Amino acid sequence: MKTAHQILREHDIQVTAQRAAVLGAILAHGGHPTAEEIASALPDVSRGTVYNTLNRLVEAGLLTSRLLREGRLVYDTNTEPHHHFVDLDTGEILDIPWAALEVRGLEG
């Protein structure tokens, strides 16, 4: 598995300890973290740096951001087209492959 430093270099993003820490925290999370969850995991990195880094990673195509619930923007390392299933009771977010769902009844 590639390190955060390697991934940043491959995408022509200047490597800093803070950027590597943010990307590393996202990769370690393994789900759909919010910026606040990442910031909480990195108390030595300013919130501004976390938000700026997340925006830069989205711009570079390393992450996608989605507003899946009112007021909850999450970040996703799965940049391939896919759907999300949100368990409203637990808040858990699951990736569903794009081809696994078929939409019907939109005609007319």
C-alpha atoms as a PDB file:
ATOM      1  CA  MET A   1       0.000   0.000   0.000  1.00  0.00           C
ATOM      2  CA  LYS A   2       1.274   3.458  -0.895  1.00  0.00           C
ATOM      3  CA  THR A   3       2.066   5.996   1.773  1.00  0.00           C
ATOM      4  CA  ALA A   4       0.373   9.371   1.991  1.00  0.00           C
ATOM      5  CA  HIS A   5       3.666  10.972   0.914  1.00  0.00           C
ATOM      6  CA  GLN A   6       3.805   8.827  -2.225  1.00  0.00           C
ATOM      7  CA  ILE A   7       0.180   9.531  -3.115  1.00  0.00           C
ATOM      8  CA  LEU A   8       0.621  13.273  -2.707  1.00  0.00           C
ATOM      9  CA  ARG A   9       3.765  13.266  -4.868  1.00  0.00           C
ATOM     10  CA  GLU A  10       2.037  11.203  -7.584  1.00  0.00           C
ATOM     11  CA  HIS A  11      -0.685  13.843  -7.789  1.00  0.00           C
ATOM     12  CA  ASP A  12       1.730  16.793  -7.836  1.00  0.00           C
ATOM     13  CA  ILE A  13       0.621  18.045  -4.448  1.00  0.00           C
ATOM     14  CA  GLN A  14       3.390  19.619  -2.398  1.00  0.00           C
ATOM     15  CA  VAL A  15       4.099  17.275   0.488  1.00  0.00           C
ATOM     16  CA  THR A  16       3.926  18.744   3.963  1.00  0.00           C
ATOM     17  CA  ALA A  17       3.683  16.926   7.252  1.00  0.00           C
ATOM     18  CA  GLN A  18       0.190  18.321   7.764  1.00  0.00           C
ATOM     19  CA  ARG A  19      -1.096  17.257   4.329  1.00  0.00           C
ATOM     20  CA  ALA A  20       0.358  13.798   4.789  1.00  0.00           C
ATOM     21  CA  ALA A  21      -1.271  13.591   8.228  1.00  0.00           C
ATOM     22  CA  VAL A  22      -4.686  14.589   6.843  1.00  0.00           C
ATOM     23  CA  LEU A  23      -4.488  12.093   3.984  1.00  0.00           C
ATOM     24  CA  GLY A  24      -3.187   9.421   6.340  1.00  0.00           C
ATOM     25  CA  ALA A  25      -6.097  10.017   8.724  1.00  0.00           C
ATOM     26  CA  ILE A  26      -8.599   9.694   5.883  1.00  0.00           C
ATOM     27  CA  LEU A  27      -7.026   6.469   4.654  1.00  0.00           C
ATOM     28  CA  ALA A  28      -6.923   5.083   8.191  1.00  0.00           C
ATOM     29  CA  HIS A  29     -10.574   5.994   8.792  1.00  0.00           C
ATOM     30  CA  GLY A  30     -11.692   3.660   6.017  1.00  0.00           C
ATOM     31  CA  GLY A  31     -15.153   5.146   5.726  1.00  0.00           C
ATOM     32  CA  HIS A  32     -16.754   8.464   4.988  1.00  0.00           C
ATOM     33  CA  PRO A  33     -15.304  10.907   7.526  1.00  0.00           C
ATOM     34  CA  THR A  34     -16.352  14.494   8.012  1.00  0.00           C
ATOM     35  CA  ALA A  35     -13.808  17.279   8.216  1.00  0.00           C
ATOM     36  CA  GLU A  36     -14.526  17.529  11.931  1.00  0.00           C
ATOM     37  CA  GLU A  37     -13.757  13.835  12.434  1.00  0.00           C
ATOM     38  CA  ILE A  38     -10.433  14.273  10.654  1.00  0.00           C
ATOM     39  CA  ALA A  39      -9.654  17.439  12.609  1.00  0.00           C
ATOM     40  CA  SER A  40     -10.472  15.691  15.893  1.00  0.00           C
ATOM     41  CA  ALA A  41      -8.079  12.880  14.993  1.00  0.00           C
ATOM     42  CA  LEU A  42      -5.308  15.427  14.336  1.00  0.00           C
ATOM     43  CA  PRO A  43      -5.232  17.843  17.281  1.00  0.00           C
ATOM     44  CA  ASP A  44      -1.811  19.199  16.225  1.00  0.00           C
ATOM     45  CA  VAL A  45      -3.114  20.278  12.792  1.00  0.00           C
ATOM     46  CA  SER A  46      -5.207  23.446  12.584  1.00  0.00           C
ATOM     47  CA  ARG A  47      -8.803  23.135  11.425  1.00  0.00           C
ATOM     48  CA  GLY A  48      -8.047  25.561   8.612  1.00  0.00           C
ATOM     49  CA  THR A  49      -5.256  23.320   7.364  1.00  0.00           C
ATOM     50  CA  VAL A  50      -7.541  20.280   7.537  1.00  0.00           C
ATOM     51  CA  TYR A  51     -10.257  22.028   5.496  1.00  0.00           C
ATOM     52  CA  ASN A  52      -7.775  23.467   2.978  1.00  0.00           C
ATOM     53  CA  THR A  53      -6.109  20.081   2.541  1.00  0.00           C
ATOM     54  CA  LEU A  54      -9.432  18.308   2.065  1.00  0.00           C
ATOM     55  CA  ASN A  55     -10.416  20.848  -0.599  1.00  0.00           C
ATOM     56  CA  ARG A  56      -7.056  20.367  -2.335  1.00  0.00           C
ATOM     57  CA  LEU A  57      -7.452  16.572  -2.272  1.00  0.00           C
ATOM     58  CA  VAL A  58     -10.923  16.887  -3.811  1.00  0.00           C
ATOM     59  CA  GLU A  59      -9.578  19.229  -6.523  1.00  0.00           C
ATOM     60  CA  ALA A  60      -6.835  16.695  -7.299  1.00  0.00           C
ATOM     61  CA  GLY A  61      -9.381  13.893  -7.664  1.00  0.00           C
ATOM     62  CA  LEU A  62      -8.113  11.899  -4.682  1.00  0.00           C
ATOM     63  CA  LEU A  63     -11.373  12.333  -2.785  1.00  0.00           C
ATOM     64  CA  THR A  64     -14.964  13.165  -3.480  1.00  0.00           C
ATOM     65  CA  SER A  65     -17.144  15.156  -1.139  1.00  0.00           C
ATOM     66  CA  ARG A  66     -20.839  14.470  -0.733  1.00  0.00           C
ATOM     67  CA  LEU A  67     -23.602  16.054   1.268  1.00  0.00           C
ATOM     68  CA  LEU A  68     -25.365  12.856   2.267  1.00  0.00           C
ATOM     69  CA  ARG A  69     -27.433  14.146   5.149  1.00  0.00           C
ATOM     70  CA  GLU A  70     -28.522  17.645   5.999  1.00  0.00           C
ATOM     71  CA  GLY A  71     -25.483  19.529   7.185  1.00  0.00           C
ATOM     72  CA  ARG A  72     -23.118  16.540   6.947  1.00  0.00           C
ATOM     73  CA  LEU A  73     -20.478  16.775   4.251  1.00  0.00           C
ATOM     74  CA  VAL A  74     -18.413  13.598   4.071  1.00  0.00           C
ATOM     75  CA  TYR A  75     -15.268  12.692   2.172  1.00  0.00           C
ATOM     76  CA  ASP A  76     -14.852   9.486   0.226  1.00  0.00           C
ATOM     77  CA  THR A  77     -11.680   7.862  -1.110  1.00  0.00           C
ATOM     78  CA  ASN A  78     -13.794   5.817  -3.537  1.00  0.00           C
ATOM     79  CA  THR A  79     -13.800   8.131  -6.546  1.00  0.00           C
ATOM     80  CA  GLU A  80     -15.452   5.631  -8.894  1.00  0.00           C
ATOM     81  CA  PRO A  81     -19.160   6.178  -9.654  1.00  0.00           C
ATOM     82  CA  HIS A  82     -21.213   4.573  -6.894  1.00  0.00           C
ATOM     83  CA  HIS A  83     -24.276   5.062  -4.744  1.00  0.00           C
ATOM     84  CA  HIS A  84     -24.461   5.531  -1.004  1.00  0.00           C
ATOM     85  CA  PHE A  85     -26.762   3.826   1.455  1.00  0.00           C
ATOM     86  CA  VAL A  86     -27.190   5.793   4.680  1.00  0.00           C
ATOM     87  CA  ASP A  87     -28.574   3.999   7.722  1.00  0.00           C
ATOM     88  CA  LEU A  88     -30.642   6.748   9.310  1.00  0.00           C
ATOM     89  CA  ASP A  89     -30.592   5.036  12.705  1.00  0.00           C
ATOM     90  CA  THR A  90     -26.837   4.569  13.012  1.00  0.00           C
ATOM     91  CA  GLY A  91     -25.500   7.102  10.501  1.00  0.00           C
ATOM     92  CA  GLU A  92     -23.394   4.396   8.862  1.00  0.00           C
ATOM     93  CA  ILE A  93     -22.672   5.059   5.178  1.00  0.00           C
ATOM     94  CA  LEU A  94     -22.108   2.176   2.786  1.00  0.00           C
ATOM     95  CA  ASP A  95     -20.881   2.256  -0.799  1.00  0.00           C
ATOM     96  CA  ILE A  96     -23.132   0.486  -3.293  1.00  0.00           C
ATOM     97  CA  PRO A  97     -21.658  -0.321  -6.734  1.00  0.00           C
ATOM     98  CA  TRP A  98     -23.200   1.792  -9.497  1.00  0.00           C
ATOM     99  CA  ALA A  99     -24.424  -1.214 -11.490  1.00  0.00           C
ATOM    100  CA  ALA A 100     -26.060  -2.818  -8.436  1.00  0.00           C
ATOM    101  CA  LEU A 101     -29.058  -0.477  -8.629  1.00  0.00           C
ATOM    102  CA  GLU A 102     -31.545  -0.006 -11.399  1.00  0.00           C
ATOM    103  CA  VAL A 103     -33.825   3.006 -11.500  1.00  0.00           C
ATOM    104  CA  ARG A 104     -37.265   2.415 -13.012  1.00  0.00           C
ATOM    105  CA  GLY A 105     -40.382   4.464 -13.545  1.00  0.00           C
ATOM    106  CA  LEU A 106     -38.785   7.721 -14.642  1.00  0.00           C
ATOM    107  CA  GLU A 107     -40.418   7.680 -18.065  1.00  0.00           C
ATOM    108  CA  GLY A 108     -43.111  10.176 -18.815  1.00  0.00           C
END
